[in-house]
Amino acid sequence: MKALALSFGLILGFTLVGCSSLSPTVDGKTHVYSLKQQCPALLEMSVGQTLELTLPENPTTGYIWQVAEPQNILKVEEIYRQDQGESQPPMVGMSGQKQFIFTALQPGEEWIHVKHGRSWEQNPVDEWRCRVRIS
């Protein structure tokens, strides 16, 4: 009987750990994702919470990340940081990281959709999507 209770407890514990990892947050308020991390099927957020998405980018090649669809209930900020060592000055042609910060402004449901490609080409080389419900 104790073995059964212990097994049930372990299964329940693993289930809860799995559920909590669906929406990674740094401080309980900020959801953090990268190109390698897929968003859950539906990300639940509250007004005031943020989603930070960090993606590799080298704009000198013409390939940039852009928000594909206008956002109505999310405020979008874009920040580009060039990769550089502590002793290196910024250099033309160096790659970096594009960070999108989406802040939930009001309740509702919205798709976050960003595309990686050249502005003059129709088909992106990569995409990242996330369906968000804000309460």
Protein backbone atom coordinates (compact mmCIF):
# COMPACT_ATOMS: atom_id res chain seq x y z
CA MET A 1 0.00 0.00 0.00
CA LYS A 2 2.88 2.37 0.83
CA ALA A 3 4.52 1.57 -2.52
CA LEU A 4 1.29 2.48 -4.34
CA ALA A 5 0.99 5.77 -2.45
CA LEU A 6 4.65 6.58 -3.14
CA SER A 7 4.23 5.80 -6.86
CA PHE A 8 1.12 7.98 -7.05
CA GLY A 9 2.97 10.80 -5.29
CA LEU A 10 5.89 10.60 -7.72
CA ILE A 11 3.60 10.60 -10.76
CA LEU A 12 1.66 13.58 -9.42
CA GLY A 13 4.90 15.40 -8.67
CA PHE A 14 6.26 14.88 -12.19
CA THR A 15 2.95 16.01 -13.65
CA LEU A 16 3.03 19.25 -11.67
CA VAL A 17 6.64 19.93 -12.65
CA GLY A 18 5.71 19.37 -16.30
CA CYS A 19 2.80 21.80 -16.07
CA SER A 20 4.88 24.52 -14.49
CA SER A 21 7.49 24.32 -17.26
CA LEU A 22 4.94 25.08 -19.99
CA SER A 23 5.27 28.79 -19.30
CA PRO A 24 8.79 29.66 -18.18
CA THR A 25 8.95 32.85 -16.14
CA VAL A 26 11.92 34.56 -14.60
CA ASP A 27 10.17 36.45 -11.86
CA GLY A 28 6.57 35.24 -12.05
CA LYS A 29 5.81 38.16 -14.38
CA THR A 30 8.11 37.72 -17.40
CA HIS A 31 7.78 34.79 -19.83
CA VAL A 32 11.10 34.11 -21.58
CA TYR A 33 11.52 32.32 -24.93
CA SER A 34 14.12 31.84 -27.65
CA LEU A 35 14.06 30.40 -31.16
CA LYS A 36 14.65 26.90 -29.76
CA GLN A 37 11.75 27.13 -27.29
CA GLN A 38 8.25 26.66 -28.60
CA CYS A 39 5.42 28.52 -26.96
CA PRO A 40 2.69 26.35 -25.40
CA ALA A 41 -0.51 25.87 -27.42
CA LEU A 42 -2.05 28.76 -25.45
CA LEU A 43 0.03 31.01 -23.20
CA GLU A 44 -1.97 32.47 -20.34
CA MET A 45 -0.86 35.96 -19.27
CA SER A 46 -2.21 38.71 -17.05
CA VAL A 47 -2.36 42.42 -17.84
CA GLY A 48 1.07 43.90 -17.11
CA GLN A 49 3.01 40.66 -17.71
CA THR A 50 5.62 40.50 -20.43
CA LEU A 51 6.90 37.96 -22.93
CA GLU A 52 10.55 38.33 -23.93
CA LEU A 53 11.64 36.63 -27.15
CA THR A 54 15.36 36.63 -28.03
CA LEU A 55 16.42 35.62 -31.54
CA PRO A 56 19.76 35.51 -33.41
CA GLU A 57 20.03 38.18 -36.10
CA ASN A 58 22.58 39.70 -38.47
CA PRO A 59 20.88 42.67 -40.15
CA THR A 60 23.88 43.37 -42.43
CA THR A 61 22.88 40.27 -44.44
CA GLY A 62 19.40 41.69 -45.02
CA TYR A 63 17.80 38.98 -42.87
CA ILE A 64 15.92 40.55 -39.98
CA TRP A 65 13.21 39.49 -37.54
CA GLN A 66 9.97 41.46 -37.84
CA VAL A 67 6.54 41.31 -36.22
CA ALA A 68 4.36 39.88 -38.99
CA GLU A 69 0.97 40.94 -37.66
CA PRO A 70 -0.06 44.17 -35.93
CA GLN A 71 -0.62 43.81 -32.20
CA ASN A 72 -3.79 45.25 -30.65
CA ILE A 73 -3.62 44.20 -27.00
CA LEU A 74 0.17 43.91 -26.67
CA LYS A 75 2.76 46.68 -26.68
CA VAL A 76 5.86 45.67 -28.69
CA GLU A 77 9.41 46.86 -28.09
CA GLU A 78 12.37 45.78 -30.25
CA ILE A 79 16.00 45.90 -29.10
CA TYR A 80 19.04 44.81 -31.12
CA ARG A 81 22.30 44.00 -29.33
CA GLN A 82 25.44 43.25 -31.31
CA ASP A 83 27.53 40.30 -30.13
CA GLN A 84 30.92 41.51 -28.98
CA GLY A 85 33.59 40.61 -26.53
CA GLU A 86 34.44 42.84 -23.62
CA SER A 87 37.58 44.16 -25.35
CA GLN A 88 36.10 44.43 -28.85
CA PRO A 89 34.55 47.60 -30.24
CA PRO A 90 31.32 47.25 -32.29
CA MET A 91 32.08 46.14 -35.85
CA VAL A 92 30.10 46.28 -39.09
CA GLY A 93 28.87 42.84 -40.16
CA MET A 94 28.87 41.29 -36.70
CA SER A 95 25.84 39.26 -35.71
CA GLY A 96 23.78 39.88 -32.61
CA GLN A 97 20.49 39.25 -30.83
CA LYS A 98 17.09 40.79 -31.55
CA GLN A 99 14.89 40.97 -28.48
CA PHE A 100 11.16 41.49 -28.68
CA ILE A 101 9.37 42.52 -25.50
CA PHE A 102 5.59 42.06 -25.64
CA THR A 103 3.71 43.68 -22.74
CA ALA A 104 0.08 42.69 -22.10
CA LEU A 105 -2.04 45.87 -22.12
CA GLN A 106 -5.63 44.60 -21.90
CA PRO A 107 -7.63 41.35 -21.71
CA GLY A 108 -8.23 39.39 -24.89
CA GLU A 109 -6.61 36.88 -27.22
CA GLU A 110 -3.87 37.57 -29.79
CA TRP A 111 -1.30 35.76 -31.96
CA ILE A 112 2.33 36.80 -31.70
CA HIS A 113 3.92 36.04 -35.07
CA VAL A 114 7.46 37.06 -36.00
CA LYS A 115 9.21 36.27 -39.28
CA HIS A 116 12.89 36.07 -40.23
CA GLY A 117 13.65 37.10 -43.78
CA ARG A 118 14.50 39.87 -46.19
CA SER A 119 11.95 42.65 -46.60
CA TRP A 120 11.94 42.28 -50.41
CA GLU A 121 11.31 38.52 -50.34
CA GLN A 122 7.86 37.04 -49.75
CA ASN A 123 8.76 33.77 -48.01
CA PRO A 124 10.44 33.91 -44.60
CA VAL A 125 13.30 31.54 -43.80
CA ASP A 126 12.03 31.07 -40.24
CA GLU A 127 9.03 31.95 -38.06
CA TRP A 128 8.01 31.93 -34.41
CA ARG A 129 4.37 31.97 -33.25
CA CYS A 130 2.60 32.11 -29.93
CA ARG A 131 -1.11 32.31 -29.13
CA VAL A 132 -1.67 34.44 -26.04
CA ARG A 133 -4.72 34.86 -23.81
CA ILE A 134 -4.61 37.85 -21.49
CA SER A 135 -6.87 38.10 -18.46
